[in-house]
Amino acid sequence: MVNTILTIALAITILSIGITMVRFAIGKTAIDRVIAFDVMTIASISIIAILAWMSGRVIYLDIAIVYGLLSFLAVIIIAKYLEKSL
């Protein structure tokens, strides 16, 4: 039962990444693309967490945490750059 729910959650998350990639590709402004990038990284972090739960390996959660921190820093740096260019 739990594996079925996790598999469905994994499929929905992968679908959301696909939809967000379309938004990233056709975004009219740089801010739209930054938000799409942030959503894609959050969705990929949730994929890593789901896979960690399904496999029972806790080390994947450490990878998700580091990936989340790097993503946060990247979005902050890009936001600072866009703020200066506006």
N, C-alpha and C. Protein backbone atom coordinates (compact mmCIF):
# COMPACT_ATOMS: atom_id res chain seq x y z
N MET A 1 0.81 -1.19 0.00
CA MET A 1 0.00 0.00 0.00
C MET A 1 0.86 1.26 0.00
N VAL A 2 1.87 1.29 0.87
CA VAL A 2 2.74 2.46 0.96
C VAL A 2 3.54 2.61 -0.33
N ASN A 3 4.04 1.49 -0.87
CA ASN A 3 4.81 1.58 -2.11
C ASN A 3 3.96 2.08 -3.26
N THR A 4 2.71 1.73 -3.29
CA THR A 4 1.82 2.22 -4.34
C THR A 4 1.63 3.73 -4.24
N ILE A 5 1.43 4.20 -3.03
CA ILE A 5 1.25 5.64 -2.82
C ILE A 5 2.53 6.39 -3.17
N LEU A 6 3.68 5.84 -2.78
CA LEU A 6 4.95 6.49 -3.10
C LEU A 6 5.21 6.49 -4.60
N THR A 7 4.84 5.43 -5.28
CA THR A 7 5.01 5.38 -6.73
C THR A 7 4.13 6.41 -7.42
N ILE A 8 2.91 6.57 -6.95
CA ILE A 8 2.01 7.59 -7.51
C ILE A 8 2.56 8.99 -7.24
N ALA A 9 3.06 9.21 -6.04
CA ALA A 9 3.65 10.51 -5.70
C ALA A 9 4.87 10.79 -6.56
N LEU A 10 5.67 9.76 -6.82
CA LEU A 10 6.85 9.91 -7.67
C LEU A 10 6.44 10.27 -9.09
N ALA A 11 5.41 9.62 -9.61
CA ALA A 11 4.94 9.91 -10.97
C ALA A 11 4.39 11.33 -11.07
N ILE A 12 3.65 11.77 -10.08
CA ILE A 12 3.10 13.13 -10.09
C ILE A 12 4.22 14.16 -10.02
N THR A 13 5.23 13.89 -9.22
CA THR A 13 6.35 14.81 -9.09
C THR A 13 7.15 14.89 -10.39
N ILE A 14 7.36 13.76 -11.04
CA ILE A 14 8.05 13.77 -12.33
C ILE A 14 7.23 14.54 -13.37
N LEU A 15 5.92 14.38 -13.34
CA LEU A 15 5.05 15.12 -14.25
C LEU A 15 5.15 16.63 -13.98
N SER A 16 5.22 17.00 -12.71
CA SER A 16 5.34 18.42 -12.39
C SER A 16 6.67 19.00 -12.86
N ILE A 17 7.73 18.20 -12.82
CA ILE A 17 9.01 18.67 -13.35
C ILE A 17 8.90 18.90 -14.86
N GLY A 18 8.21 18.00 -15.55
CA GLY A 18 8.03 18.17 -16.99
C GLY A 18 7.26 19.44 -17.33
N ILE A 19 6.20 19.70 -16.58
CA ILE A 19 5.41 20.92 -16.80
C ILE A 19 6.25 22.16 -16.49
N THR A 20 7.05 22.09 -15.45
CA THR A 20 7.89 23.22 -15.08
C THR A 20 8.99 23.45 -16.10
N MET A 21 9.49 22.40 -16.73
CA MET A 21 10.49 22.57 -17.78
C MET A 21 9.91 23.35 -18.97
N VAL A 22 8.65 23.09 -19.26
CA VAL A 22 7.99 23.86 -20.33
C VAL A 22 7.91 25.33 -19.93
N ARG A 23 7.55 25.59 -18.69
CA ARG A 23 7.48 26.97 -18.22
C ARG A 23 8.86 27.62 -18.23
N PHE A 24 9.89 26.85 -17.90
CA PHE A 24 11.26 27.37 -17.93
C PHE A 24 11.66 27.73 -19.36
N ALA A 25 11.24 26.93 -20.32
CA ALA A 25 11.62 27.16 -21.72
C ALA A 25 10.88 28.35 -22.33
N ILE A 26 9.62 28.55 -21.96
CA ILE A 26 8.85 29.62 -22.59
C ILE A 26 8.64 30.82 -21.69
N GLY A 27 9.34 30.89 -20.59
CA GLY A 27 9.20 32.02 -19.67
C GLY A 27 9.57 33.32 -20.35
N LYS A 28 8.73 34.32 -20.20
CA LYS A 28 8.94 35.59 -20.88
C LYS A 28 10.04 36.42 -20.23
N THR A 29 10.15 36.35 -18.92
CA THR A 29 11.15 37.15 -18.22
C THR A 29 12.12 36.23 -17.48
N ALA A 30 13.21 36.83 -17.05
CA ALA A 30 14.20 36.07 -16.30
C ALA A 30 13.65 35.63 -14.95
N ILE A 31 12.77 36.43 -14.39
CA ILE A 31 12.18 36.08 -13.09
C ILE A 31 11.31 34.83 -13.22
N ASP A 32 10.57 34.72 -14.33
CA ASP A 32 9.78 33.50 -14.57
C ASP A 32 10.68 32.28 -14.62
N ARG A 33 11.82 32.42 -15.26
CA ARG A 33 12.74 31.29 -15.39
C ARG A 33 13.38 30.93 -14.06
N VAL A 34 13.68 31.93 -13.24
CA VAL A 34 14.25 31.66 -11.92
C VAL A 34 13.24 30.92 -11.05
N ILE A 35 11.99 31.35 -11.10
CA ILE A 35 10.96 30.67 -10.31
C ILE A 35 10.77 29.24 -10.81
N ALA A 36 10.79 29.04 -12.13
CA ALA A 36 10.66 27.69 -12.68
C ALA A 36 11.85 26.83 -12.26
N PHE A 37 13.05 27.41 -12.25
CA PHE A 37 14.23 26.69 -11.79
C PHE A 37 14.09 26.27 -10.33
N ASP A 38 13.58 27.18 -9.52
CA ASP A 38 13.40 26.88 -8.10
C ASP A 38 12.37 25.77 -7.90
N VAL A 39 11.29 25.81 -8.65
CA VAL A 39 10.27 24.77 -8.55
C VAL A 39 10.83 23.42 -8.98
N MET A 40 11.65 23.42 -10.06
CA MET A 40 12.26 22.16 -10.51
C MET A 40 13.20 21.57 -9.47
N THR A 41 13.97 22.43 -8.81
CA THR A 41 14.88 21.90 -7.79
C THR A 41 14.11 21.38 -6.57
N ILE A 42 13.04 22.06 -6.20
CA ILE A 42 12.23 21.57 -5.07
C ILE A 42 11.60 20.23 -5.41
N ALA A 43 11.11 20.11 -6.64
CA ALA A 43 10.51 18.83 -7.06
C ALA A 43 11.55 17.73 -7.12
N SER A 44 12.76 18.06 -7.57
CA SER A 44 13.79 17.02 -7.61
C SER A 44 14.25 16.63 -6.21
N ILE A 45 14.22 17.57 -5.28
CA ILE A 45 14.52 17.23 -3.89
C ILE A 45 13.46 16.28 -3.34
N SER A 46 12.21 16.53 -3.69
CA SER A 46 11.16 15.62 -3.22
C SER A 46 11.29 14.25 -3.87
N ILE A 47 11.75 14.19 -5.12
CA ILE A 47 12.00 12.89 -5.76
C ILE A 47 13.10 12.14 -5.01
N ILE A 48 14.15 12.84 -4.64
CA ILE A 48 15.23 12.20 -3.89
C ILE A 48 14.71 11.69 -2.55
N ALA A 49 13.86 12.48 -1.88
CA ALA A 49 13.31 12.05 -0.59
C ALA A 49 12.39 10.84 -0.75
N ILE A 50 11.59 10.82 -1.80
CA ILE A 50 10.71 9.67 -2.04
C ILE A 50 11.53 8.42 -2.32
N LEU A 51 12.57 8.57 -3.14
CA LEU A 51 13.43 7.42 -3.44
C LEU A 51 14.17 6.94 -2.20
N ALA A 52 14.55 7.88 -1.32
CA ALA A 52 15.20 7.48 -0.07
C ALA A 52 14.25 6.67 0.79
N TRP A 53 13.00 7.08 0.84
CA TRP A 53 12.01 6.35 1.63
C TRP A 53 11.73 4.98 1.03
N MET A 54 11.63 4.92 -0.30
CA MET A 54 11.34 3.65 -0.95
C MET A 54 12.49 2.65 -0.80
N SER A 55 13.73 3.16 -0.87
CA SER A 55 14.88 2.26 -0.78
C SER A 55 15.33 2.01 0.65
N GLY A 56 14.93 2.87 1.57
CA GLY A 56 15.32 2.71 2.97
C GLY A 56 16.73 3.18 3.26
N ARG A 57 17.30 3.98 2.37
CA ARG A 57 18.66 4.49 2.58
C ARG A 57 18.60 5.94 3.03
N VAL A 58 19.11 6.18 4.21
CA VAL A 58 19.05 7.51 4.81
C VAL A 58 20.05 8.46 4.16
N ILE A 59 21.10 7.94 3.57
CA ILE A 59 22.14 8.77 2.98
C ILE A 59 21.59 9.66 1.86
N TYR A 60 20.52 9.21 1.21
CA TYR A 60 19.91 10.02 0.15
C TYR A 60 19.32 11.32 0.70
N LEU A 61 18.89 11.29 1.94
CA LEU A 61 18.35 12.50 2.55
C LEU A 61 19.44 13.55 2.75
N ASP A 62 20.65 13.11 3.06
CA ASP A 62 21.77 14.04 3.16
C ASP A 62 22.04 14.71 1.82
N ILE A 63 21.95 13.93 0.76
CA ILE A 63 22.14 14.47 -0.58
C ILE A 63 21.05 15.50 -0.89
N ALA A 64 19.83 15.21 -0.50
CA ALA A 64 18.73 16.15 -0.73
C ALA A 64 18.92 17.45 0.04
N ILE A 65 19.44 17.36 1.26
CA ILE A 65 19.68 18.56 2.06
C ILE A 65 20.75 19.43 1.42
N VAL A 66 21.84 18.82 0.99
CA VAL A 66 22.92 19.58 0.35
C VAL A 66 22.43 20.19 -0.96
N TYR A 67 21.68 19.43 -1.72
CA TYR A 67 21.12 19.93 -2.97
C TYR A 67 20.18 21.10 -2.72
N GLY A 68 19.40 21.03 -1.67
CA GLY A 68 18.50 22.12 -1.31
C GLY A 68 19.26 23.38 -0.92
N LEU A 69 20.33 23.22 -0.15
CA LEU A 69 21.14 24.38 0.23
C LEU A 69 21.79 25.03 -0.98
N LEU A 70 22.34 24.21 -1.88
CA LEU A 70 22.96 24.76 -3.08
C LEU A 70 21.93 25.45 -3.97
N SER A 71 20.76 24.88 -4.05
CA SER A 71 19.69 25.49 -4.84
C SER A 71 19.27 26.83 -4.24
N PHE A 72 19.15 26.88 -2.94
CA PHE A 72 18.78 28.13 -2.27
C PHE A 72 19.82 29.21 -2.54
N LEU A 73 21.09 28.84 -2.42
CA LEU A 73 22.15 29.81 -2.68
C LEU A 73 22.14 30.28 -4.13
N ALA A 74 21.89 29.38 -5.05
CA ALA A 74 21.85 29.75 -6.47
C ALA A 74 20.72 30.73 -6.74
N VAL A 75 19.57 30.49 -6.17
CA VAL A 75 18.43 31.39 -6.38
C VAL A 75 18.71 32.76 -5.77
N ILE A 76 19.33 32.80 -4.61
CA ILE A 76 19.67 34.08 -3.98
C ILE A 76 20.67 34.85 -4.83
N ILE A 77 21.68 34.17 -5.35
CA ILE A 77 22.69 34.83 -6.19
C ILE A 77 22.05 35.36 -7.48
N ILE A 78 21.20 34.57 -8.09
CA ILE A 78 20.53 35.02 -9.32
C ILE A 78 19.60 36.19 -9.02
N ALA A 79 18.91 36.16 -7.90
CA ALA A 79 18.02 37.27 -7.53
C ALA A 79 18.81 38.55 -7.30
N LYS A 80 19.95 38.45 -6.65
CA LYS A 80 20.80 39.63 -6.45
C LYS A 80 21.29 40.19 -7.78
N TYR A 81 21.66 39.30 -8.69
CA TYR A 81 22.10 39.73 -10.02
C TYR A 81 20.97 40.42 -10.77
N LEU A 82 19.77 39.85 -10.73
CA LEU A 82 18.64 40.46 -11.42
C LEU A 82 18.23 41.78 -10.78
N GLU A 83 18.39 41.89 -9.48
CA GLU A 83 18.05 43.13 -8.80
C GLU A 83 18.97 44.27 -9.25
N LYS A 84 20.25 43.96 -9.45
CA LYS A 84 21.19 44.98 -9.91
C LYS A 84 20.95 45.37 -11.36
N SER A 85 20.50 44.41 -12.17
CA SER A 85 20.30 44.70 -13.59
C SER A 85 18.98 45.42 -13.86
N LEU A 86 18.05 45.40 -12.91
CA LEU A 86 16.77 46.09 -13.12
C LEU A 86 16.91 47.52 -12.80
